[in-house]
């Protein structure tokens, strides 16, 4: 082969390699408007359920192409808070990453009304999720498989009307080690020791037939361990979005699944052999005992109020490897609970800690979490929930959840 032919082959292989990784890892030079962070400056890490999803496949892409007011307000919130690393929940996933491209280029990188300076994330991670992916099984016990609308969604591996609905997107100012990232999209629920298998209370029999239970996936979206090379060292971002513990029946299948989705992180960061805890590449075991991490996401579980098996989140908050720190809070949430009334009046938790607004029938709850590991200091934290008379309150209303952030320090 001639040198020119060898060079052509090499370039072709390189192009294919880049094409294969672009959907999970996009990089570029850091923006000149934001110099690299020093190793003594706080690292702002955030989670934000942005509700940027559509009931139709490709619908979010079309909305972002046309210009979307909700996406502009979400981008403005991010421009104001300027997290160094942020997990976006309920951001529809598409294989080519087109929606992520559009949101970055046409919204984050453009000044938004009420926001701040343009914001660029040179690195990102996105990967497939279970929502909307047909299982071919009767998961909801209706006696039929698939169907239309909610019936089809209920028999997907995770509830959704099309593959990728309610996906996740991780954005970072610092390099993501995509080659070392682990995903647990395919992990079977039954693989977890002492899994909380749903039972029909009327008969005492398992809700799912054995052949269904053996195939049912644990994660309603996915669980990710994404290493990020920050000025504070390698940070393992543990990202997830467990199913809401509602929309089921007396068997409590979603409540129990939410419990075990949260429990997965407790198992992952606990010592000991975990031969059952195998990622999608076939590597088994939990996180190294000396690794530092932050658990991010809408975990759909309040420590005291609302639906769900509350001990799941309480046990995670009290895990020995999770840093004890002041709970992120806002005064805007306190006023919102008083204004909404209803179930809020009977809640036991502090409304200052609420992260989502769900109306008087449900009340406002703490569902979104940024949980760093021991070894970090916390320089500050908060929930972006402005007071009603603050012009920024209109931005925050773009989603029923509010951005939660923590500034990590050495």
Protein backbone atom coordinates (compact mmCIF):
# COMPACT_ATOMS: atom_id res chain seq x y z
CA UNK A 1 0.00 0.00 0.00
CA UNK A 2 1.37 3.42 -0.93
CA UNK A 3 1.97 6.09 1.77
CA UNK A 4 -0.91 8.11 0.29
CA UNK A 5 -3.24 5.09 0.55
CA UNK A 6 -2.10 4.40 4.10
CA UNK A 7 -2.87 8.01 5.05
CA UNK A 8 -6.33 7.78 3.47
CA UNK A 9 -7.12 4.62 5.41
CA UNK A 10 -5.89 6.19 8.66
CA UNK A 11 -8.06 9.28 8.14
CA UNK A 12 -11.08 7.13 7.34
CA UNK A 13 -10.62 5.08 10.51
CA UNK A 14 -10.21 8.25 12.54
CA UNK A 15 -13.40 9.72 11.06
CA UNK A 16 -15.36 6.58 11.86
CA UNK A 17 -14.03 6.58 15.41
CA UNK A 18 -15.09 10.17 15.95
CA UNK A 19 -18.49 9.52 14.43
CA UNK A 20 -19.00 6.60 16.76
CA UNK A 21 -18.29 8.57 19.93
CA UNK A 22 -19.89 11.92 19.10
CA UNK A 23 -23.28 10.92 20.45
CA UNK A 24 -21.84 10.52 23.91
CA UNK A 25 -18.83 12.81 23.93
CA UNK A 26 -18.48 16.19 22.25
CA UNK A 27 -15.48 18.36 22.97
CA UNK A 28 -13.86 21.60 21.94
CA UNK A 29 -11.70 24.42 23.27
CA UNK A 30 -12.97 26.09 26.45
CA UNK A 31 -14.81 29.37 25.77
CA UNK A 32 -12.55 32.40 25.97
CA UNK A 33 -15.15 34.29 28.02
CA UNK A 34 -14.72 31.82 30.88
CA UNK A 35 -11.08 31.11 31.81
CA UNK A 36 -10.25 27.70 33.24
CA UNK A 37 -11.16 27.35 36.91
CA UNK A 38 -8.31 27.33 39.39
CA UNK A 39 -7.85 24.29 41.58
CA UNK A 40 -8.92 26.35 44.60
CA UNK A 41 -12.17 27.75 43.17
CA UNK A 42 -15.46 26.01 43.98
CA UNK A 43 -16.85 23.56 41.42
CA UNK A 44 -20.56 24.20 40.85
CA UNK A 45 -22.49 20.97 40.22
CA UNK A 46 -26.21 21.01 39.50
CA UNK A 47 -29.22 18.93 38.54
CA UNK A 48 -32.23 20.27 36.66
CA UNK A 49 -35.34 18.48 35.44
CA UNK A 50 -36.04 20.71 32.45
CA UNK A 51 -39.22 19.05 31.09
CA UNK A 52 -37.88 19.37 27.54
CA UNK A 53 -39.67 16.35 26.13
CA UNK A 54 -42.27 15.76 23.44
CA UNK A 55 -44.91 13.08 22.97
CA UNK A 56 -43.76 12.50 19.38
CA UNK A 57 -40.41 11.11 18.26
CA UNK A 58 -38.34 14.00 16.93
CA UNK A 59 -40.79 16.49 18.38
CA UNK A 60 -38.23 18.20 20.62
CA UNK A 61 -35.86 18.59 17.68
CA UNK A 62 -38.56 20.30 15.62
CA UNK A 63 -39.47 22.63 18.48
CA UNK A 64 -35.86 23.61 19.04
CA UNK A 65 -35.37 24.22 15.31
CA UNK A 66 -38.38 26.54 15.16
CA UNK A 67 -37.44 28.45 18.32
CA UNK A 68 -38.90 27.43 21.65
CA UNK A 69 -39.80 29.82 24.47
CA UNK A 70 -39.51 27.14 27.15
CA UNK A 71 -36.00 26.19 26.01
CA UNK A 72 -35.01 29.87 26.04
CA UNK A 73 -36.10 30.20 29.67
CA UNK A 74 -34.32 26.98 30.64
CA UNK A 75 -31.16 28.27 28.95
CA UNK A 76 -31.54 31.60 30.78
CA UNK A 77 -31.65 29.80 34.13
CA UNK A 78 -28.45 27.94 33.26
CA UNK A 79 -26.81 31.19 32.11
CA UNK A 80 -27.67 32.83 35.43
CA UNK A 81 -26.46 29.94 37.62
CA UNK A 82 -23.60 28.85 35.32
CA UNK A 83 -22.94 25.36 36.73
CA UNK A 84 -19.66 23.73 35.75
CA UNK A 85 -21.38 20.34 35.52
CA UNK A 86 -25.13 19.89 35.15
CA UNK A 87 -27.40 16.91 34.60
CA UNK A 88 -30.56 17.65 32.63
CA UNK A 89 -33.40 15.22 33.29
CA UNK A 90 -36.35 14.90 30.90
CA UNK A 91 -34.37 15.97 27.84
CA UNK A 92 -35.45 13.73 24.95
CA UNK A 93 -32.65 11.52 23.67
CA UNK A 94 -32.02 11.05 19.94
CA UNK A 95 -29.31 8.83 18.54
CA UNK A 96 -27.53 11.60 16.62
CA UNK A 97 -27.60 14.08 19.52
CA UNK A 98 -29.37 16.63 17.34
CA UNK A 99 -31.51 18.04 20.17
CA UNK A 100 -28.42 18.46 22.35
CA UNK A 101 -26.63 20.26 19.48
CA UNK A 102 -29.55 22.62 18.96
CA UNK A 103 -29.94 23.42 22.65
CA UNK A 104 -26.22 24.16 22.97
CA UNK A 105 -25.80 26.24 19.83
CA UNK A 106 -29.10 28.11 19.53
CA UNK A 107 -30.02 28.55 23.18
CA UNK A 108 -27.11 28.23 25.62
CA UNK A 109 -24.61 29.97 23.34
CA UNK A 110 -27.01 32.85 22.61
CA UNK A 111 -27.84 35.55 25.18
CA UNK A 112 -31.33 34.88 26.54
CA UNK A 113 -33.75 37.42 28.00
CA UNK A 114 -33.30 37.41 31.76
CA UNK A 115 -30.24 35.18 31.51
CA UNK A 116 -26.56 36.01 31.48
CA UNK A 117 -23.65 35.78 29.11
CA UNK A 118 -23.63 32.96 26.53
CA UNK A 119 -22.74 29.63 28.08
CA UNK A 120 -20.76 26.90 26.35
CA UNK A 121 -20.22 23.34 27.51
CA UNK A 122 -17.36 21.80 25.53
CA UNK A 123 -18.14 18.31 26.85
CA UNK A 124 -21.31 16.31 27.08
CA UNK A 125 -22.52 12.78 27.67
CA UNK A 126 -25.71 11.24 26.36
CA UNK A 127 -26.67 7.61 25.89
CA UNK A 128 -29.80 5.52 25.24
CA UNK A 129 -32.46 5.11 27.91
CA UNK A 130 -35.21 2.56 28.54
CA UNK A 131 -38.14 4.95 28.30
CA UNK A 132 -40.40 4.23 25.34
CA UNK A 133 -38.42 1.16 24.25
CA UNK A 134 -40.96 -1.67 23.64
CA UNK A 135 -40.41 -4.69 25.85
CA UNK A 136 -42.67 -7.06 23.92
CA UNK A 137 -44.06 -8.11 27.32
CA UNK A 138 -47.18 -7.39 29.35
CA UNK A 139 -45.52 -5.31 32.06
CA UNK A 140 -48.62 -3.59 33.42
CA UNK A 141 -50.72 -6.76 33.81
CA UNK A 142 -53.41 -5.55 31.41
CA UNK A 143 -53.58 -8.87 29.57
CA UNK A 144 -52.30 -7.37 26.32
CA UNK A 145 -48.97 -6.18 24.98
CA UNK A 146 -48.42 -2.71 23.57
CA UNK A 147 -51.33 -0.82 22.11
CA UNK A 148 -51.73 2.92 21.81
CA UNK A 149 -50.85 5.84 24.02
CA UNK A 150 -50.46 5.02 27.71
CA UNK A 151 -51.03 1.29 27.08
CA UNK A 152 -47.98 1.24 24.82
CA UNK A 153 -45.98 3.32 27.29
CA UNK A 154 -46.83 1.03 30.19
CA UNK A 155 -45.36 -1.97 28.35
CA UNK A 156 -42.12 -0.19 27.48
CA UNK A 157 -39.02 -0.97 29.58
CA UNK A 158 -39.55 2.47 31.08
CA UNK A 159 -42.74 4.45 30.62
CA UNK A 160 -42.61 6.56 27.46
CA UNK A 161 -44.45 7.08 24.20
CA UNK A 162 -41.32 6.78 22.03
CA UNK A 163 -37.74 5.61 22.58
CA UNK A 164 -35.70 8.32 24.27
CA UNK A 165 -38.58 10.29 25.79
CA UNK A 166 -37.59 11.74 29.20
CA UNK A 167 -33.91 11.07 28.50
CA UNK A 168 -30.85 12.50 30.24
CA UNK A 169 -28.11 14.88 29.12
CA UNK A 170 -24.91 15.63 31.05
CA UNK A 171 -23.11 18.89 30.25
CA UNK A 172 -19.63 19.75 31.52
CA UNK A 173 -16.99 22.45 31.22
CA UNK A 174 -14.36 19.82 31.99
CA UNK A 175 -13.30 16.69 30.10
CA UNK A 176 -15.55 13.65 30.28
CA UNK A 177 -13.84 10.26 30.13
CA UNK A 178 -16.45 8.57 27.95
CA UNK A 179 -14.28 5.48 27.52
CA UNK A 180 -14.53 4.76 31.26
CA UNK A 181 -18.21 5.63 31.65
CA UNK A 182 -20.48 2.84 32.83
CA UNK A 183 -24.18 2.49 32.04
CA UNK A 184 -26.71 0.15 33.64
CA UNK A 185 -29.58 0.39 31.18
CA UNK A 186 -29.89 -3.39 30.78
CA UNK A 187 -29.42 -4.55 34.38
CA UNK A 188 -32.25 -6.89 35.39
CA UNK A 189 -34.30 -5.94 38.44
CA UNK A 190 -34.33 -9.58 39.54
CA UNK A 191 -30.50 -9.58 39.64
CA UNK A 192 -30.53 -7.31 42.70
CA UNK A 193 -30.36 -9.32 45.94
CA UNK A 194 -33.58 -8.97 47.93
CA UNK A 195 -35.23 -7.06 45.08
CA UNK A 196 -38.62 -5.60 46.03
CA UNK A 197 -40.68 -7.76 43.66
CA UNK A 198 -44.27 -6.42 43.37
CA UNK A 199 -47.04 -8.64 44.77
CA UNK A 200 -50.78 -8.59 44.09
CA UNK A 201 -52.20 -7.92 47.59
CA UNK A 202 -55.51 -9.57 46.67
CA UNK A 203 -53.90 -12.95 45.92
CA UNK A 204 -50.46 -12.74 47.50
CA UNK A 205 -48.97 -13.87 44.18
CA UNK A 206 -46.21 -12.01 42.33
CA UNK A 207 -47.63 -9.28 40.09
CA UNK A 208 -45.34 -10.22 37.18
CA UNK A 209 -45.17 -13.77 35.88
CA UNK A 210 -41.78 -15.42 36.39
CA UNK A 211 -40.86 -15.21 32.71
CA UNK A 212 -41.59 -11.46 32.75
CA UNK A 213 -39.88 -10.81 36.09
CA UNK A 214 -36.68 -12.48 34.88
CA UNK A 215 -36.47 -10.02 31.95
CA UNK A 216 -37.70 -6.80 33.56
CA UNK A 217 -35.04 -4.10 33.66
CA UNK A 218 -34.39 -2.22 36.89
CA UNK A 219 -33.70 1.26 35.50
CA UNK A 220 -36.70 3.11 34.10
CA UNK A 221 -34.27 5.35 32.15
CA UNK A 222 -30.68 4.37 32.89
CA UNK A 223 -28.04 4.69 35.59
CA UNK A 224 -24.74 6.29 34.54
CA UNK A 225 -21.32 6.53 36.15
CA UNK A 226 -19.54 9.23 34.14
CA UNK A 227 -15.99 10.23 35.22
CA UNK A 228 -15.21 13.94 34.78
CA UNK A 229 -11.66 15.31 35.04
CA UNK A 230 -12.16 18.45 37.15
CA UNK A 231 -9.66 20.80 38.84
CA UNK A 232 -10.68 19.09 42.10
CA UNK A 233 -9.75 15.68 40.70
CA UNK A 234 -11.71 12.95 38.96
CA UNK A 235 -15.37 13.21 39.88
CA UNK A 236 -17.69 10.27 39.17
CA UNK A 237 -21.08 11.68 38.20
CA UNK A 238 -23.70 9.12 39.21
CA UNK A 239 -26.75 10.14 37.19
CA UNK A 240 -30.26 8.69 37.14
CA UNK A 241 -33.97 9.49 37.06
CA UNK A 242 -35.98 6.77 38.83
CA UNK A 243 -39.62 6.24 37.93
CA UNK A 244 -42.24 8.24 39.83
CA UNK A 245 -43.67 6.04 42.62
CA UNK A 246 -47.21 6.55 41.29
CA UNK A 247 -49.34 5.69 38.22
CA UNK A 248 -49.69 2.05 39.27
CA UNK A 249 -52.11 0.01 41.39
CA UNK A 250 -52.27 -1.67 44.79
CA UNK A 251 -49.27 -3.81 43.85
CA UNK A 252 -47.15 -0.59 44.08
CA UNK A 253 -44.90 -1.71 41.23
CA UNK A 254 -43.65 1.82 40.50
CA UNK A 255 -43.13 2.63 44.17
CA UNK A 256 -41.05 -0.52 44.65
CA UNK A 257 -39.12 0.08 41.44
CA UNK A 258 -38.34 3.64 42.55
CA UNK A 259 -37.07 2.21 45.84
CA UNK A 260 -34.72 -0.22 44.14
CA UNK A 261 -33.55 2.29 41.52
CA UNK A 262 -32.42 4.53 44.38
CA UNK A 263 -31.04 1.54 46.24
CA UNK A 264 -28.83 0.75 43.24
CA UNK A 265 -26.69 3.78 44.07
CA UNK A 266 -26.48 2.71 47.72
CA UNK A 267 -25.23 -0.69 46.59
CA UNK A 268 -22.87 0.87 44.04
CA UNK A 269 -21.03 3.01 46.59
CA UNK A 270 -20.97 0.36 49.35
CA UNK A 271 -17.94 -1.90 49.90
CA UNK A 272 -17.89 -5.59 49.13
CA UNK A 273 -18.14 -7.82 46.10
CA UNK A 274 -21.07 -7.12 43.81
CA UNK A 275 -20.99 -9.91 41.19
CA UNK A 276 -24.61 -9.17 40.23
CA UNK A 277 -24.01 -5.46 39.59
CA UNK A 278 -22.92 -5.68 35.96
CA UNK A 279 -22.89 -2.78 33.55
CA UNK A 280 -23.95 -2.88 29.90
CA UNK A 281 -20.40 -3.78 28.82
CA UNK A 282 -20.35 -6.80 31.15
CA UNK A 283 -18.06 -5.36 33.84
CA UNK A 284 -19.31 -6.22 37.33
CA UNK A 285 -18.83 -4.57 40.69
CA UNK A 286 -19.34 -1.23 42.38
CA UNK A 287 -17.41 2.01 42.65
CA UNK A 288 -13.84 1.95 43.95
CA UNK A 289 -13.66 2.77 47.65
CA UNK A 290 -11.28 5.71 47.08
CA UNK A 291 -13.30 7.27 44.24
CA UNK A 292 -15.06 10.58 44.81
CA UNK A 293 -18.53 11.06 43.38
CA UNK A 294 -21.66 13.14 43.22
CA UNK A 295 -25.13 11.60 42.87
CA UNK A 296 -27.29 13.75 40.57
CA UNK A 297 -30.86 13.58 39.41
CA UNK A 298 -34.57 13.79 39.92
CA UNK A 299 -34.87 10.80 42.25
CA UNK A 300 -38.66 11.16 42.58
CA UNK A 301 -38.63 10.55 46.32
CA UNK A 302 -39.05 13.01 49.19
CA UNK A 303 -37.62 12.01 52.58
CA UNK A 304 -40.93 12.52 54.41
CA UNK A 305 -43.81 13.58 52.16
CA UNK A 306 -45.67 12.49 49.05
CA UNK A 307 -45.78 9.02 47.55
CA UNK A 308 -42.95 6.53 47.64
CA UNK A 309 -40.90 4.30 49.91
CA UNK A 310 -39.20 7.10 51.83
CA UNK A 311 -36.61 4.90 53.50
CA UNK A 312 -34.91 4.50 50.12
CA UNK A 313 -33.87 8.14 49.90
CA UNK A 314 -33.27 8.46 53.64
CA UNK A 315 -30.85 5.53 53.60
CA UNK A 316 -29.00 7.09 50.66
CA UNK A 317 -28.78 10.47 52.39
CA UNK A 318 -27.39 8.75 55.50
CA UNK A 319 -24.90 6.51 53.70
CA UNK A 320 -21.41 6.74 55.25
CA UNK A 321 -19.87 7.78 51.92
CA UNK A 322 -22.37 10.61 51.31
CA UNK A 323 -21.26 13.97 52.71
CA UNK A 324 -23.37 15.48 55.48
CA UNK A 325 -24.11 19.07 54.50
CA UNK A 326 -26.78 21.73 54.78
CA UNK A 327 -29.75 20.92 52.55
CA UNK A 328 -30.05 23.27 49.55
CA UNK A 329 -32.93 25.68 50.12
CA UNK A 330 -34.83 28.69 48.84
CA UNK A 331 -37.27 31.19 50.32
CA UNK A 332 -39.27 31.16 47.08
CA UNK A 333 -40.31 27.57 47.81
CA UNK A 334 -41.67 28.57 51.22
CA UNK A 335 -43.94 31.21 49.72
CA UNK A 336 -45.03 28.87 46.92
CA UNK A 337 -46.16 26.20 49.39
CA UNK A 338 -48.17 28.75 51.35
CA UNK A 339 -49.77 30.09 48.17
CA UNK A 340 -50.62 26.63 46.80
CA UNK A 341 -52.12 25.29 50.03
CA UNK A 342 -53.79 21.88 49.80
CA UNK A 343 -51.52 18.99 50.71
CA UNK A 344 -48.71 21.40 51.50
CA UNK A 345 -50.39 22.18 54.81
CA UNK A 346 -49.93 18.60 56.02
CA UNK A 347 -46.34 18.10 54.89
CA UNK A 348 -43.78 17.41 57.59
CA UNK A 349 -40.67 18.37 55.65
CA UNK A 350 -39.33 21.92 55.48
CA UNK A 351 -40.80 23.65 52.43
CA UNK A 352 -37.58 25.62 52.05
CA UNK A 353 -36.06 22.34 50.80
CA UNK A 354 -38.71 21.72 48.11
CA UNK A 355 -37.44 21.41 44.55
CA UNK A 356 -40.68 20.81 42.62
CA UNK A 357 -44.15 22.38 42.46
CA UNK A 358 -46.95 19.91 41.80
CA UNK A 359 -50.19 21.65 42.74
CA UNK A 360 -52.39 21.45 45.84
CA UNK A 361 -53.43 17.81 45.29
CA UNK A 362 -49.85 16.58 45.62
CA UNK A 363 -48.06 19.49 47.22
CA UNK A 364 -44.50 20.64 46.71
CA UNK A 365 -41.69 18.15 47.33
CA UNK A 366 -37.94 17.65 47.55
CA UNK A 367 -37.24 15.32 44.63
CA UNK A 368 -34.02 16.62 43.03
CA UNK A 369 -30.65 15.91 44.60
CA UNK A 370 -26.97 16.81 44.42
CA UNK A 371 -25.24 14.45 46.86
CA UNK A 372 -21.43 14.68 46.98
CA UNK A 373 -19.17 12.13 48.59
CA UNK A 374 -17.16 12.66 51.73
CA UNK A 375 -13.83 14.33 51.07
CA UNK A 376 -15.31 17.49 49.61
CA UNK A 377 -16.10 20.77 51.29
CA UNK A 378 -19.27 22.69 50.47
CA UNK A 379 -18.80 26.39 49.75
CA UNK A 380 -22.47 27.07 49.03
CA UNK A 381 -25.71 25.57 47.76
CA UNK A 382 -29.22 26.50 46.78
CA UNK A 383 -32.43 25.85 44.89
CA UNK A 384 -33.21 28.32 42.11
CA UNK A 385 -36.72 29.26 43.20
CA UNK A 386 -37.01 33.06 43.06
CA UNK A 387 -39.51 35.05 45.11
CA UNK A 388 -42.80 35.78 43.28
CA UNK A 389 -41.93 39.46 42.74
CA UNK A 390 -38.53 38.63 41.26
CA UNK A 391 -38.48 38.92 37.42
CA UNK A 392 -36.54 35.63 37.38
CA UNK A 393 -39.63 33.81 38.69
CA UNK A 394 -40.91 33.64 35.12
CA UNK A 395 -37.74 31.81 34.08
CA UNK A 396 -38.06 29.30 36.90
CA UNK A 397 -41.65 28.53 35.84
CA UNK A 398 -40.36 26.91 32.63
CA UNK A 399 -40.38 23.55 34.47
CA UNK A 400 -42.25 22.14 37.44
CA UNK A 401 -38.82 21.34 38.92
CA UNK A 402 -36.17 23.83 40.00
CA UNK A 403 -32.42 23.72 39.50
CA UNK A 404 -30.48 22.50 42.55
CA UNK A 405 -26.79 23.38 42.89
CA UNK A 406 -23.87 22.82 45.24
CA UNK A 407 -20.44 24.48 45.13
CA UNK A 408 -17.81 21.86 45.93
CA UNK A 409 -14.44 22.79 47.37
CA UNK A 410 -11.35 20.97 48.52
